[in-house]
Amino acid sequence: MIQSTFIFDLGLVIIIATSMGILARLLKQPLIPAYILAGLLIGPGLGIIKDPDAILMISEIGVAFLLFMVGMELHIDRLKSVIHISVYGSLLQMIILFLVGAFLTLLFPVFSTMDIIYIGVIVTFSSTMVVVKHLSDKKEIETLHSRIIIGFLLMEDLVAILILSTFASLGNLTSSFLFIALLKGIALVALALAAGKYLLPELFKFVAKSVELLFLTAIMVCFFFSMLAQHFGFSISIGSFLAGISLAHLPYTTEILGRVRPLRDFFATIFFASLGLSVTFSNFSSFIWPIFFLIILITILKPLLGMVTCSLFGYRARPAFLVGITRTQISEFGLIIAAQGILLGHISKNLFSITVILAIITITVSSYLIDFKEELYQKNRPHFQWLNRLNKAKELEYLPKRKNHYTVLVGYDRVGFSILKKLRSLKKHVLIVDYNPEVIKELIRKRIPCLYGDAADHEVQEKLEFSSVEMLISTQPDIKTNLHLVIKMREENPKGVILVVADKINNALMLYEKGVDYVILPHFIGGDHASLLIEQFHIDASHLANTRKAHIKELKNRSELGHEHPTKMGH
């Protein structure tokens, strides 16, 4: 009977949520609010669902699959350029948000001391599920603002796990407990990295002969690390993320991602619907004002704090705005912390209901803000220029007097490194644009003309003076950034030559339609280059040996510069 009730509840959630999603798509609205509304309708609205706790339990699998995919898509070495802001910037924000949230709660006598502490913690974190799903769906994982956001989210998730462990152990919290927890975390990360380097490549090489086994083995790795993380006292989300990291360098990730994505979407839909199922409205009227002020904190003060933090760490207005606007919601960890608080007897069910209501409202609002973030920034760009006055971005440039005809190279690392060598050997005047401050500092030291910033940023584009650009070369594959550059270049300089990198055939065709002269598809070029080598070896056998020596020399040079993954595109 219990099993049939659960199947009925699950089936009803999927039917209603999907129907609401179709309606939202017809009305051109974001899907997440539609899923939440479906949960509200069949849960507290009509009272049809008998066991919402069971639905909420399996919805956590959606978070796990989401972070599993993020781990596979995200190359950790790409986060090196944002490591400082990820660690220090996120810690600064968490401390400030906790203090402000606790102070706001102090203004209302209905809350106990533990309520105040819990609310301070709950408003601190942003939703990994909402933000990363959006970035993944929009193909923005590799953009500058995405790297900063993901860095923030990873730090927040780690702190949230530490807080969960701390709250559960308030009676016996000692320095030895914290030390052991740290050792467990280090061991878990080391195991994931070691497995990804030594064990999994051979295993997947064997199972890759069967598509079915490839998929099942990837899911097995996800569940193994999730279970191991839970055994160590961490969340299954962290375990699944580490599982994704361990598979990130395998040549089969594209196939695995394509098969895991439907699972992620299925369980993610259940997760958002389960938020609506969890709402109770007892004594709701007495908590209206606290909820109102906390919503103001989460949707206005929290994103502003994110923008200011990015600016103080040297990032320009556009990436600062895009980072801030994505932080306008509370995290699924807030719900988990509140649920644990009830089980431990720290807080009442009313506070859990407040947390759920905050999650529903802020996730709904943030879905619209994130969907239209670019339009919001372009429309209100003059109002956010004060952010540029907070940073030292102006110091990170070397712009000597430019010639009438020069080349703009967007992205210096890896692909850009080789292109710059060739351009300088051809006596071309080159200006490099890169958003890694360390790269720009090194270029300034070498007296190479350069400009720090995001190439999609309007202020950066104004400094490029496209009318004088002879050739524009973009080595990063983000389609939105490249489209911005191509449109701007063609408006001001129709005759200029444009070369850009793309990671998908459809994106390459779209860029050709916009007027790009040549689109570089690195994997295809690798095949073409190998074909030429074979042809030349057929003509002259000694040519391959000479090419090999030159290639080894180049690889050693790249290794010294830290270019460990030449097949990965970007800056």
Protein backbone atom coordinates (compact mmCIF):
# COMPACT_ATOMS: atom_id res chain seq x y z
CA MET A 1 0.00 0.00 0.00
CA ILE A 2 2.82 2.39 0.91
CA GLN A 3 4.62 1.54 -2.35
CA SER A 4 1.50 2.18 -4.47
CA THR A 5 0.90 5.50 -2.65
CA PHE A 6 4.47 6.58 -3.40
CA ILE A 7 4.17 5.63 -7.09
CA PHE A 8 0.88 7.55 -7.31
CA ASP A 9 2.44 10.63 -5.64
CA LEU A 10 5.52 10.51 -7.88
CA GLY A 11 3.45 10.06 -11.04
CA LEU A 12 1.17 12.95 -10.09
CA VAL A 13 4.14 15.24 -9.40
CA ILE A 14 5.63 14.47 -12.84
CA ILE A 15 2.30 14.89 -14.67
CA ILE A 16 1.37 18.21 -13.05
CA ALA A 17 4.93 19.62 -13.12
CA THR A 18 5.35 18.73 -16.80
CA SER A 19 1.95 20.24 -17.65
CA MET A 20 2.88 23.46 -15.84
CA GLY A 21 6.23 23.45 -17.63
CA ILE A 22 4.54 23.17 -21.03
CA LEU A 23 2.23 26.05 -20.11
CA ALA A 24 5.20 28.16 -18.96
CA ARG A 25 7.02 27.46 -22.23
CA LEU A 26 3.94 28.51 -24.23
CA LEU A 27 3.85 31.76 -22.23
CA LYS A 28 7.66 32.15 -22.64
CA GLN A 29 8.26 32.02 -18.88
CA PRO A 30 11.08 30.30 -16.90
CA LEU A 31 10.43 26.65 -16.05
CA ILE A 32 11.55 26.59 -12.41
CA PRO A 33 8.69 28.76 -11.05
CA ALA A 34 6.24 26.54 -12.97
CA TYR A 35 7.58 23.41 -11.24
CA ILE A 36 7.35 25.09 -7.82
CA LEU A 37 3.80 26.22 -8.56
CA ALA A 38 2.89 22.64 -9.48
CA GLY A 39 4.11 21.48 -6.05
CA LEU A 40 2.10 24.22 -4.32
CA LEU A 41 -1.02 23.22 -6.25
CA ILE A 42 -1.01 19.51 -5.47
CA GLY A 43 0.55 19.85 -2.00
CA PRO A 44 -0.77 22.55 0.36
CA GLY A 45 -3.27 23.73 -2.27
CA LEU A 46 -5.34 20.59 -2.93
CA GLY A 47 -3.71 18.23 -0.41
CA ILE A 48 -3.50 15.37 -2.92
CA ILE A 49 0.06 14.25 -2.11
CA LYS A 50 0.10 11.86 0.86
CA ASP A 51 3.85 11.56 1.53
CA PRO A 52 5.76 14.74 0.52
CA ASP A 53 8.81 13.68 2.59
CA ALA A 54 9.41 10.68 0.29
CA ILE A 55 9.28 12.96 -2.77
CA LEU A 56 11.73 15.39 -1.14
CA MET A 57 14.10 12.53 -0.32
CA ILE A 58 14.43 11.27 -3.90
CA SER A 59 14.66 14.87 -5.20
CA GLU A 60 18.13 15.09 -3.61
CA ILE A 61 19.29 12.74 -6.38
CA GLY A 62 18.68 15.62 -8.81
CA VAL A 63 21.19 17.79 -6.94
CA ALA A 64 23.66 14.90 -7.01
CA PHE A 65 23.37 14.35 -10.77
CA LEU A 66 23.59 18.11 -11.37
CA LEU A 67 26.88 18.41 -9.50
CA PHE A 68 28.13 15.20 -11.11
CA MET A 69 27.69 16.82 -14.52
CA VAL A 70 29.25 20.09 -13.33
CA GLY A 71 32.29 18.16 -12.14
CA MET A 72 32.71 16.57 -15.57
CA GLU A 73 32.18 19.85 -17.47
CA LEU A 74 34.31 21.99 -15.17
CA HIS A 75 38.08 21.84 -15.51
CA ILE A 76 39.54 22.68 -12.10
CA ASP A 77 42.64 24.26 -13.64
CA ARG A 78 40.31 26.91 -15.12
CA LEU A 79 39.40 28.02 -11.56
CA LYS A 80 43.03 28.92 -10.83
CA SER A 81 42.46 32.40 -12.27
CA VAL A 82 39.62 33.05 -9.77
CA ILE A 83 41.00 31.18 -6.74
CA HIS A 84 41.54 34.30 -4.62
CA ILE A 85 38.06 35.71 -5.04
CA SER A 86 36.55 32.22 -4.69
CA VAL A 87 38.14 31.71 -1.28
CA TYR A 88 38.51 35.15 0.30
CA GLY A 89 35.62 36.84 -1.52
CA SER A 90 33.12 34.12 -0.64
CA LEU A 91 34.24 34.00 3.01
CA LEU A 92 33.87 37.78 3.27
CA GLN A 93 30.35 37.64 1.84
CA MET A 94 29.31 34.75 4.07
CA ILE A 95 30.43 36.57 7.23
CA ILE A 96 28.65 39.81 6.26
CA LEU A 97 25.43 38.05 5.19
CA PHE A 98 25.33 35.99 8.38
CA LEU A 99 25.71 39.11 10.55
CA VAL A 100 23.12 41.12 8.61
CA GLY A 101 20.65 38.20 8.56
CA ALA A 102 21.06 37.63 12.30
CA PHE A 103 20.69 41.37 13.03
CA LEU A 104 17.47 41.58 10.99
CA THR A 105 16.04 38.61 12.88
CA LEU A 106 16.93 40.23 16.20
CA LEU A 107 14.41 42.98 15.41
CA PHE A 108 11.55 40.47 15.80
CA PRO A 109 11.01 39.06 19.33
CA VAL A 110 9.20 35.95 18.03
CA PHE A 111 12.56 34.29 17.27
CA SER A 112 14.76 32.45 19.76
CA THR A 113 18.56 32.61 19.87
CA MET A 114 18.87 29.38 17.84
CA ASP A 115 16.33 30.75 15.32
CA ILE A 116 18.53 33.82 14.85
CA ILE A 117 21.63 31.69 14.26
CA TYR A 118 19.82 29.41 11.81
CA ILE A 119 18.33 32.29 9.80
CA GLY A 120 21.75 33.97 9.61
CA VAL A 121 23.14 30.74 8.15
CA ILE A 122 20.20 30.12 5.78
CA VAL A 123 20.39 33.53 4.03
CA THR A 124 24.16 33.15 3.57
CA PHE A 125 24.19 30.49 0.84
CA SER A 126 23.01 30.58 -2.78
CA SER A 127 21.44 27.69 -4.67
CA THR A 128 23.85 25.43 -6.54
CA MET A 129 20.88 23.68 -8.17
CA VAL A 130 19.31 26.85 -9.59
CA VAL A 131 22.48 28.68 -10.62
CA VAL A 132 24.42 25.80 -12.14
CA LYS A 133 21.36 24.45 -13.97
CA HIS A 134 20.92 27.86 -15.56
CA LEU A 135 24.61 28.16 -16.50
CA SER A 136 24.63 24.64 -17.91
CA ASP A 137 21.42 25.11 -19.90
CA LYS A 138 22.70 28.42 -21.32
CA LYS A 139 26.13 26.93 -22.18
CA GLU A 140 27.84 29.50 -19.93
CA ILE A 141 29.90 27.19 -17.72
CA GLU A 142 33.21 28.35 -19.23
CA THR A 143 32.55 32.12 -19.04
CA LEU A 144 34.36 34.42 -16.60
CA HIS A 145 31.35 35.17 -14.41
CA SER A 146 30.47 31.45 -14.31
CA ARG A 147 33.91 30.54 -13.01
CA ILE A 148 33.60 33.09 -10.23
CA ILE A 149 30.06 31.94 -9.37
CA ILE A 150 31.06 28.27 -9.29
CA GLY A 151 34.05 29.15 -7.10
CA PHE A 152 31.66 30.91 -4.68
CA LEU A 153 29.21 28.00 -4.71
CA LEU A 154 31.88 25.39 -4.04
CA MET A 155 33.16 27.36 -1.05
CA GLU A 156 29.62 27.85 0.24
CA ASP A 157 28.84 24.15 -0.11
CA LEU A 158 31.97 23.24 1.84
CA VAL A 159 31.10 25.71 4.62
CA ALA A 160 27.48 24.48 4.63
CA ILE A 161 28.67 20.90 5.13
CA LEU A 162 30.91 22.03 7.98
CA ILE A 163 27.96 23.85 9.57
CA LEU A 164 25.72 20.78 9.19
CA SER A 165 28.34 18.69 10.99
CA THR A 166 28.81 21.39 13.65
CA PHE A 167 25.09 21.76 14.41
CA ALA A 168 24.72 17.97 14.65
CA SER A 169 27.64 17.81 17.10
CA LEU A 170 27.02 20.89 19.27
CA GLY A 171 27.12 18.71 22.39
CA ASN A 172 30.56 17.22 21.70
CA LEU A 173 32.22 19.78 19.39
CA THR A 174 35.99 19.75 19.91
CA SER A 175 39.12 20.76 18.02
CA SER A 176 39.88 17.08 17.42
CA PHE A 177 36.45 16.65 15.78
CA LEU A 178 37.19 19.52 13.36
CA PHE A 179 40.68 18.20 12.66
CA ILE A 180 39.34 14.72 11.84
CA ALA A 181 36.66 16.23 9.58
CA LEU A 182 39.38 18.17 7.71
CA LEU A 183 41.48 15.02 7.27
CA LYS A 184 38.46 13.14 5.92
CA GLY A 185 37.81 15.92 3.40
CA ILE A 186 41.43 15.91 2.21
CA ALA A 187 41.38 12.12 1.92
CA LEU A 188 38.17 12.19 -0.12
CA VAL A 189 39.55 14.75 -2.58
CA ALA A 190 42.87 12.90 -2.87
CA LEU A 191 41.05 9.62 -3.56
CA ALA A 192 38.94 11.21 -6.32
CA LEU A 193 41.99 12.75 -8.00
CA ALA A 194 44.03 9.55 -7.72
CA ALA A 195 41.17 7.44 -9.10
CA GLY A 196 40.76 9.85 -12.00
CA LYS A 197 44.43 9.62 -12.86
CA TYR A 198 45.35 5.97 -12.26
CA LEU A 199 42.28 3.71 -11.98
CA LEU A 200 39.36 5.08 -13.98
CA PRO A 201 41.10 5.64 -17.36
CA GLU A 202 41.84 1.91 -17.73
CA LEU A 203 38.43 0.89 -16.42
CA PHE A 204 36.57 3.17 -18.83
CA LYS A 205 38.83 2.17 -21.71
CA PHE A 206 37.57 -1.38 -21.18
CA VAL A 207 33.84 -0.61 -20.65
CA ALA A 208 33.69 1.98 -23.46
CA LYS A 209 33.21 -0.86 -25.95
CA SER A 210 29.63 -1.10 -24.64
CA VAL A 211 27.52 2.08 -24.52
CA GLU A 212 25.33 0.53 -21.83
CA LEU A 213 28.30 -0.40 -19.62
CA LEU A 214 29.88 3.04 -20.16
CA PHE A 215 26.75 4.75 -18.83
CA LEU A 216 26.27 2.34 -15.90
CA THR A 217 29.93 2.57 -14.87
CA ALA A 218 29.72 6.37 -14.80
CA ILE A 219 26.59 6.17 -12.61
CA MET A 220 28.38 3.62 -10.42
CA VAL A 221 31.27 6.06 -9.87
CA CYS A 222 28.78 8.82 -9.02
CA PHE A 223 27.00 6.70 -6.41
CA PHE A 224 30.27 5.29 -5.02
CA PHE A 225 31.69 8.72 -4.23
CA SER A 226 28.29 9.97 -3.00
CA MET A 227 28.04 7.06 -0.56
CA LEU A 228 31.66 7.47 0.50
CA ALA A 229 31.15 11.18 1.13
CA GLN A 230 28.06 10.48 3.21
CA HIS A 231 30.00 7.86 5.18
CA PHE A 232 32.66 10.49 5.91
CA GLY A 233 29.99 12.89 7.17
CA PHE A 234 29.71 15.04 4.04
CA SER A 235 26.75 15.52 1.70
CA ILE A 236 26.09 13.29 -1.31
CA SER A 237 26.34 16.46 -3.44
CA ILE A 238 30.02 16.91 -2.64
CA GLY A 239 30.65 13.23 -3.37
CA SER A 240 28.91 13.40 -6.74
CA PHE A 241 30.85 16.55 -7.65
CA LEU A 242 34.15 14.81 -6.87
CA ALA A 243 32.98 11.83 -8.94
CA GLY A 244 32.49 14.19 -11.88
CA ILE A 245 35.95 15.70 -11.33
CA SER A 246 37.49 12.21 -11.41
CA LEU A 247 35.94 11.61 -14.86
CA ALA A 248 36.54 15.08 -16.30
CA HIS A 249 39.73 14.20 -18.19
CA LEU A 250 38.43 11.04 -19.83
CA PRO A 251 37.72 11.07 -23.59
CA TYR A 252 34.20 9.71 -22.98
CA THR A 253 32.72 12.66 -21.04
CA THR A 254 30.61 13.94 -23.96
CA GLU A 255 28.87 10.56 -24.30
CA ILE A 256 28.35 10.28 -20.53
CA LEU A 257 27.00 13.83 -20.22
CA GLY A 258 24.49 13.23 -22.99
CA ARG A 259 23.11 10.18 -21.18
CA VAL A 260 23.11 11.63 -17.65
CA ARG A 261 21.39 14.91 -18.63
CA PRO A 262 17.86 13.41 -18.91
CA LEU A 263 18.27 11.85 -15.44
CA ARG A 264 19.36 15.22 -14.05
CA ASP A 265 16.38 17.00 -15.59
CA PHE A 266 13.94 14.37 -14.29
CA PHE A 267 15.11 14.56 -10.68
CA ALA A 268 15.64 18.33 -10.82
CA THR A 269 11.97 18.74 -11.77
CA ILE A 270 11.01 16.66 -8.73
CA PHE A 271 13.29 18.79 -6.53
CA PHE A 272 11.65 22.08 -7.48
CA ALA A 273 8.16 20.61 -7.21
CA SER A 274 9.04 19.27 -3.75
CA LEU A 275 9.68 22.85 -2.55
CA GLY A 276 6.04 23.64 -3.16
CA LEU A 277 4.98 20.42 -1.42
CA SER A 278 6.84 21.41 1.76
CA VAL A 279 4.92 24.61 2.51
CA THR A 280 2.62 24.87 5.54
CA PHE A 281 0.67 28.02 6.32
CA SER A 282 0.06 27.78 10.08
CA ASN A 283 0.54 31.17 11.83
CA PHE A 284 1.78 32.59 8.52
CA SER A 285 0.44 36.11 9.19
CA SER A 286 2.70 36.61 12.22
CA PHE A 287 5.79 36.05 10.07
CA ILE A 288 4.92 38.31 7.11
CA TRP A 289 7.25 41.16 8.07
CA PRO A 290 10.29 38.98 8.88
CA ILE A 291 9.80 37.22 5.54
CA PHE A 292 9.49 40.57 3.73
CA PHE A 293 12.75 41.96 5.16
CA LEU A 294 14.62 38.72 4.56
CA ILE A 295 13.47 38.74 0.92
CA ILE A 296 14.84 42.30 0.58
CA LEU A 297 18.14 41.09 2.04
CA ILE A 298 18.36 38.09 -0.33
CA THR A 299 17.18 39.73 -3.57
CA ILE A 300 18.71 43.22 -3.21
CA LEU A 301 21.47 43.44 -0.60
CA LYS A 302 22.95 40.01 -1.34
CA PRO A 303 23.52 40.61 -5.08
CA LEU A 304 24.87 44.11 -4.38
CA LEU A 305 27.36 42.61 -1.95
CA GLY A 306 28.41 40.12 -4.64
CA MET A 307 28.91 42.95 -7.16
CA VAL A 308 30.97 45.04 -4.72
CA THR A 309 33.09 42.00 -3.79
CA CYS A 310 33.91 41.30 -7.44
CA SER A 311 34.80 44.95 -8.03
CA LEU A 312 37.08 45.06 -4.99
CA PHE A 313 38.91 42.03 -6.38
CA GLY A 314 39.54 43.84 -9.66
CA TYR A 315 36.70 42.71 -11.93
CA ARG A 316 34.82 45.15 -14.12
CA ALA A 317 31.17 46.14 -13.92
CA ARG A 318 29.73 43.55 -16.32
CA PRO A 319 31.12 40.34 -14.76
CA ALA A 320 30.51 41.84 -11.30
CA PHE A 321 26.86 42.46 -12.18
CA LEU A 322 26.39 38.99 -13.72
CA VAL A 323 27.89 37.34 -10.64
CA GLY A 324 25.76 39.39 -8.24
CA ILE A 325 22.46 38.90 -10.05
CA THR A 326 22.80 35.10 -9.87
CA ARG A 327 22.96 35.16 -6.05
CA THR A 328 19.37 36.26 -5.50
CA GLN A 329 18.09 33.10 -3.81
CA ILE A 330 18.73 30.82 -0.85
CA SER A 331 20.31 27.42 -1.19
CA GLU A 332 18.93 23.90 -1.04
CA PHE A 333 21.45 23.55 1.80
CA GLY A 334 19.34 26.09 3.70
CA LEU A 335 16.42 23.65 3.51
CA ILE A 336 18.62 20.75 4.60
CA ILE A 337 20.02 22.76 7.54
CA ALA A 338 16.51 23.82 8.60
CA ALA A 339 15.21 20.25 8.33
CA GLN A 340 18.10 18.99 10.45
CA GLY A 341 17.37 21.78 12.96
CA ILE A 342 13.85 20.42 13.47
CA LEU A 343 15.13 16.85 14.01
CA LEU A 344 17.70 18.10 16.55
CA GLY A 345 15.09 20.19 18.35
CA HIS A 346 16.93 23.45 17.67
CA ILE A 347 14.10 25.21 15.80
CA SER A 348 10.34 24.98 15.32
CA LYS A 349 8.39 23.88 12.24
CA ASN A 350 7.40 27.52 11.71
CA LEU A 351 11.02 28.41 10.97
CA PHE A 352 11.24 25.54 8.49
CA SER A 353 8.10 26.88 6.77
CA ILE A 354 9.69 30.35 6.62
CA THR A 355 12.76 28.77 4.99
CA VAL A 356 10.62 26.99 2.39
CA ILE A 357 8.64 30.17 1.63
CA LEU A 358 11.91 32.13 1.26
CA ALA A 359 13.21 29.43 -1.09
CA ILE A 360 10.07 29.50 -3.25
CA ILE A 361 9.89 33.30 -3.53
CA THR A 362 13.61 33.96 -4.02
CA ILE A 363 14.13 31.07 -6.47
CA THR A 364 11.14 32.27 -8.49
CA VAL A 365 12.40 35.88 -8.54
CA SER A 366 15.97 34.84 -9.32
CA SER A 367 14.80 32.65 -12.23
CA TYR A 368 13.52 35.77 -13.99
CA LEU A 369 16.52 37.90 -13.02
CA ILE A 370 19.01 35.27 -14.22
CA ASP A 371 17.12 34.61 -17.46
CA PHE A 372 17.16 38.31 -18.38
CA LYS A 373 20.48 39.29 -16.77
CA GLU A 374 22.14 40.44 -20.01
CA GLU A 375 19.14 42.61 -20.95
CA LEU A 376 19.05 44.04 -17.41
CA TYR A 377 22.72 44.96 -17.56
CA GLN A 378 22.63 46.54 -21.02
CA LYS A 379 19.53 48.56 -20.14
CA ASN A 380 20.94 49.77 -16.81
CA ARG A 381 24.65 49.82 -17.70
CA PRO A 382 25.21 53.51 -16.84
CA HIS A 383 23.85 52.91 -13.33
CA PHE A 384 26.51 50.28 -12.57
CA GLN A 385 29.63 52.14 -13.70
CA TRP A 386 30.34 53.05 -10.08
CA LEU A 387 31.53 49.46 -9.71
CA ASN A 388 34.50 50.22 -11.98
CA ARG A 389 35.62 52.97 -9.61
CA LEU A 390 36.02 50.41 -6.82
CA ASN A 391 38.60 48.27 -8.62
CA LYS A 392 42.11 48.67 -9.93
CA ALA A 393 41.31 47.42 -13.42
CA LYS A 394 42.73 50.59 -15.01
CA GLU A 395 46.18 49.65 -13.74
CA LEU A 396 46.00 46.27 -15.49
CA GLU A 397 46.66 47.41 -19.02
CA TYR A 398 49.54 48.40 -21.23
CA LEU A 399 48.33 50.50 -24.14
CA PRO A 400 51.17 52.26 -25.96
CA LYS A 401 50.31 54.36 -28.99
CA ARG A 402 48.64 51.99 -31.45
CA LYS A 403 49.19 51.76 -35.19
CA ASN A 404 46.35 52.32 -37.65
CA HIS A 405 46.22 48.62 -38.52
CA TYR A 406 46.71 46.16 -35.69
CA THR A 407 45.50 42.73 -34.57
CA VAL A 408 43.32 42.05 -31.53
CA LEU A 409 43.92 38.68 -29.89
CA VAL A 410 41.25 37.66 -27.34
CA GLY A 411 42.73 35.09 -24.96
CA TYR A 412 46.47 34.57 -24.50
CA ASP A 413 46.80 31.17 -22.82
CA ARG A 414 47.25 27.91 -24.81
CA VAL A 415 45.80 28.58 -28.29
CA GLY A 416 46.52 32.30 -28.05
CA PHE A 417 50.13 31.62 -27.05
CA SER A 418 50.89 29.91 -30.36
CA ILE A 419 49.01 32.52 -32.38
CA LEU A 420 50.92 35.38 -30.71
CA LYS A 421 54.25 33.75 -31.57
CA LYS A 422 53.28 33.55 -35.22
CA LEU A 423 51.88 37.10 -35.34
CA ARG A 424 55.05 38.56 -33.79
CA SER A 425 57.23 36.61 -36.23
CA LEU A 426 55.17 38.25 -39.01
CA LYS A 427 55.90 41.69 -37.47
CA LYS A 428 52.22 42.27 -36.70
CA HIS A 429 51.19 44.81 -34.05
CA VAL A 430 49.09 42.86 -31.52
CA LEU A 431 46.83 43.90 -28.64
CA ILE A 432 45.87 41.05 -26.26
CA VAL A 433 42.60 40.99 -24.29
CA ASP A 434 42.40 38.55 -21.38
CA TYR A 435 40.36 38.33 -18.17
CA ASN A 436 43.06 36.59 -16.11
CA PRO A 437 44.79 39.35 -14.09
CA GLU A 438 47.91 37.21 -13.62
CA VAL A 439 48.27 36.79 -17.39
CA ILE A 440 47.89 40.54 -17.92
CA LYS A 441 50.49 41.34 -15.23
CA GLU A 442 52.96 39.03 -16.97
CA LEU A 443 52.26 40.64 -20.36
CA ILE A 444 52.74 44.13 -18.86
CA ARG A 445 56.07 42.97 -17.42
CA LYS A 446 57.10 41.85 -20.92
CA ARG A 447 55.87 45.17 -22.39
CA ILE A 448 53.38 43.40 -24.65
CA PRO A 449 50.30 45.58 -25.42
CA CYS A 450 47.38 44.18 -23.43
CA LEU A 451 44.03 45.00 -21.89
CA TYR A 452 42.44 43.35 -18.86
CA GLY A 453 38.74 42.51 -19.00
CA ASP A 454 35.92 40.45 -20.48
CA ALA A 455 35.80 40.82 -24.27
CA ALA A 456 31.98 40.86 -24.14
CA ASP A 457 32.08 43.92 -21.87
CA HIS A 458 30.94 47.10 -23.63
CA GLU A 459 33.67 49.20 -21.95
CA VAL A 460 36.39 46.82 -23.13
CA GLN A 461 35.03 46.85 -26.68
CA GLU A 462 35.04 50.65 -26.75
CA LYS A 463 38.78 50.64 -25.97
CA LEU A 464 39.54 48.29 -28.87
CA GLU A 465 38.72 50.87 -31.58
CA PHE A 466 37.47 48.30 -34.10
CA SER A 467 37.71 50.75 -37.00
CA SER A 468 41.52 50.42 -36.79
CA VAL A 469 41.59 46.64 -36.31
CA GLU A 470 43.08 44.75 -39.24
CA MET A 471 42.38 41.31 -37.79
CA LEU A 472 40.30 40.07 -34.85
CA ILE A 473 41.18 36.65 -33.40
CA SER A 474 39.20 35.12 -30.52
CA THR A 475 40.62 31.94 -28.96
CA GLN A 476 37.79 31.36 -26.48
CA PRO A 477 34.76 29.28 -27.53
CA ASP A 478 31.94 31.12 -25.71
CA ILE A 479 29.37 31.73 -28.44
CA LYS A 480 27.80 34.79 -26.83
CA THR A 481 31.11 36.59 -26.42
CA ASN A 482 32.15 35.78 -29.98
CA LEU A 483 28.81 36.98 -31.38
CA HIS A 484 29.19 40.25 -29.47
CA LEU A 485 32.66 40.73 -30.95
CA VAL A 486 31.67 39.77 -34.50
CA ILE A 487 28.63 42.08 -34.57
CA LYS A 488 30.64 45.01 -33.18
CA MET A 489 33.52 44.40 -35.59
CA ARG A 490 31.24 44.15 -38.64
CA GLU A 491 29.40 47.34 -37.64
CA GLU A 492 32.59 49.42 -37.37
CA ASN A 493 34.92 47.61 -39.75
CA PRO A 494 33.19 45.51 -42.46
CA LYS A 495 36.49 44.72 -44.22
CA GLY A 496 38.42 43.47 -41.18
CA VAL A 497 39.40 39.81 -40.98
CA ILE A 498 37.77 37.75 -38.19
CA LEU A 499 38.94 34.36 -36.89
CA VAL A 500 37.25 32.76 -33.88
CA VAL A 501 37.25 29.44 -32.02
CA ALA A 502 34.09 27.33 -31.62
CA ASP A 503 33.51 24.06 -29.80
CA LYS A 504 30.43 22.89 -31.72
CA ILE A 505 29.58 22.62 -35.43
CA ASN A 506 26.26 24.46 -35.00
CA ASN A 507 28.04 27.37 -33.30
CA ALA A 508 30.59 27.47 -36.13
CA LEU A 509 27.84 27.65 -38.76
CA MET A 510 26.10 30.41 -36.80
CA LEU A 511 29.33 32.42 -36.67
CA TYR A 512 29.86 31.99 -40.42
CA GLU A 513 26.34 33.36 -40.97
CA LYS A 514 27.29 36.46 -38.95
CA GLY A 515 30.28 37.17 -41.19
CA VAL A 516 33.24 35.38 -39.61
CA ASP A 517 36.02 34.69 -42.12
CA TYR A 518 37.19 31.44 -40.53
CA VAL A 519 36.03 29.41 -37.51
CA ILE A 520 38.65 27.30 -35.75
CA LEU A 521 37.38 23.92 -34.52
CA PRO A 522 40.42 22.61 -32.57
CA HIS A 523 39.53 18.91 -32.69
CA PHE A 524 38.98 19.03 -36.46
CA ILE A 525 42.19 20.96 -36.97
CA GLY A 526 44.03 18.27 -35.00
CA GLY A 527 42.76 15.68 -37.47
CA ASP A 528 43.71 17.83 -40.46
CA HIS A 529 47.19 18.39 -39.01
CA ALA A 530 47.69 14.63 -38.50
CA SER A 531 46.61 14.03 -42.11
CA LEU A 532 49.22 16.49 -43.37
CA LEU A 533 51.91 14.81 -41.27
CA ILE A 534 51.03 11.43 -42.79
CA GLU A 535 51.18 12.90 -46.28
CA GLN A 536 54.55 14.56 -45.65
CA PHE A 537 55.94 11.37 -44.06
CA HIS A 538 54.93 9.49 -47.21
CA ILE A 539 57.02 11.95 -49.25
CA ASP A 540 59.96 12.34 -46.85
CA ALA A 541 60.39 9.89 -43.92
CA SER A 542 62.83 12.21 -42.10
CA HIS A 543 60.17 14.93 -41.86
CA LEU A 544 58.32 13.09 -39.07
CA ALA A 545 61.46 12.80 -36.92
CA ASN A 546 62.16 16.54 -37.30
CA THR A 547 58.56 17.37 -36.50
CA ARG A 548 58.74 15.14 -33.42
CA LYS A 549 61.82 16.96 -32.08
CA ALA A 550 60.22 20.34 -32.63
CA HIS A 551 57.00 19.18 -30.97
CA ILE A 552 58.83 17.86 -27.86
CA LYS A 553 60.66 21.17 -27.55
CA GLU A 554 57.38 23.09 -27.82
CA LEU A 555 55.64 20.84 -25.26
CA LYS A 556 58.47 21.33 -22.75
CA ASN A 557 58.18 25.08 -23.23
CA ARG A 558 54.41 24.89 -22.69
CA SER A 559 54.84 22.72 -19.61
CA GLU A 560 57.09 25.37 -18.06
CA LEU A 561 54.35 27.94 -18.73
CA GLY A 562 51.69 25.74 -17.11
CA HIS A 563 49.84 24.81 -20.32
CA GLU A 564 49.05 21.26 -19.22
CA HIS A 565 45.90 20.67 -21.32
CA PRO A 566 46.40 21.95 -24.87
CA THR A 567 43.14 20.41 -26.07
CA LYS A 568 41.05 22.55 -23.73
CA MET A 569 40.01 25.78 -25.30
CA GLY A 570 39.82 29.21 -23.77
CA HIS A 571 42.09 31.71 -22.15
